Amino acid sequence: MTLVSPLAFADYPERPITLIVPWAAGGGTDATARTIARALEEQLGQNVNVVNRTGGSGVVGHTAMLNAEPDGYTIGLATVEVNTMHWQGLTDLTYKDLTPIAQINYDSPGIQVATDGAFENLDEMIETIRNEPQGSLTASGTGQGGIWHLAFAGFLMDQDIPADQVIWIPSEGSAPAMTELASGGVDIVSTSVPEARSMIDAGRVKSFAVMASERLETFPDIPTTYELVGSDYQVGAWRGIVGPRGMDAEVVATLESALEVAYQSDTYQDFMAQRGFGTKWRNAEEFGQLMQEMDTVLGEIVEQVGLAN
């Protein structure tokens, strides 16, 4: 084992940092990464270069984070798929293979229906799902096993309804799912509320509720599932900065401190507010706890929907 003197990191960072993004350029995760990178550069005094490593439903990019040298010069913007991929047999990588540095984003799922659809409110929707034969209703919002699928299935479980009571129709993302919802192709869409904004503003879709304990600041008129049915169930999509396992504690502390200032900056906060993305700060310890807790919860949902491998 190589012993590293604490003085070796005294001047960190001394050169540019690479930030790996496991999703394609132009998407929400990529835009979030590039914005936090700009804010982080101001704090660290070094360039933070975003590199997209796509493929395998997030496996390629997250594996690149795992395989990086643990010196703080290659970090990543990890996503909630860290808590789902291994349960589905896509990779052996788990949250234990990564060093949590800070969480910077959390998006709660909303429950959307067509304005002229069959349901008047959330209670009616839940009772219809409960009482109709299995498979009578359909839902969409992402691919099979994606976070919005698992979040919706978990909500059904929370309501003592089988996770597979509603047929999940895979989609390439929220936009095509919302189009299907508005045209009557599916009955329900589970996705973040910002992703449904355009259809809501057009009056073609309404959001019954957001799966959260508090209303979203950007959508104050949409009630929470806690308000409507007393459910404190919360499973959503997180994004956070991580490194490979085995990073020096001083380097992690330096990055964590710089990230907190970058997170609070106008550069980051204004961007997230403009996009409607949720902002959530957790330090390294709290972020590690979140990943551990979510891993257990999502593993159970994956099993219940029949996707465990």
Foldseek 3Di string as FASTA:
>chain_A
DDDDDPVVCVLPPPAEAEEEEADDPPDPSNVLVVLLQVLLCVLRVYHYHYDYQYDLPSPRRVVVQLPDDQALRYKYWDKLCLLFCVQLVSDVHHLQQWFFQKWWFWFFKFKKAWLPADDDADVRVLVCLQPDAQAPFEEEFAAVRDQQLLLQLLVNVLVVHQSRSYHYDHDHGRVVRLVCRLVVVGGIYIDGVLSCVVCVVVRGMDTRATAAPADQPLCNPHHHCCVVPVDNDTGTMIIGMIGGPPHDPVSSVSSNVSSVSSSPDCSNVVVCVVSVTGTDIDGRVRVSVVSVVSSVSSSVSCVSNPSGD
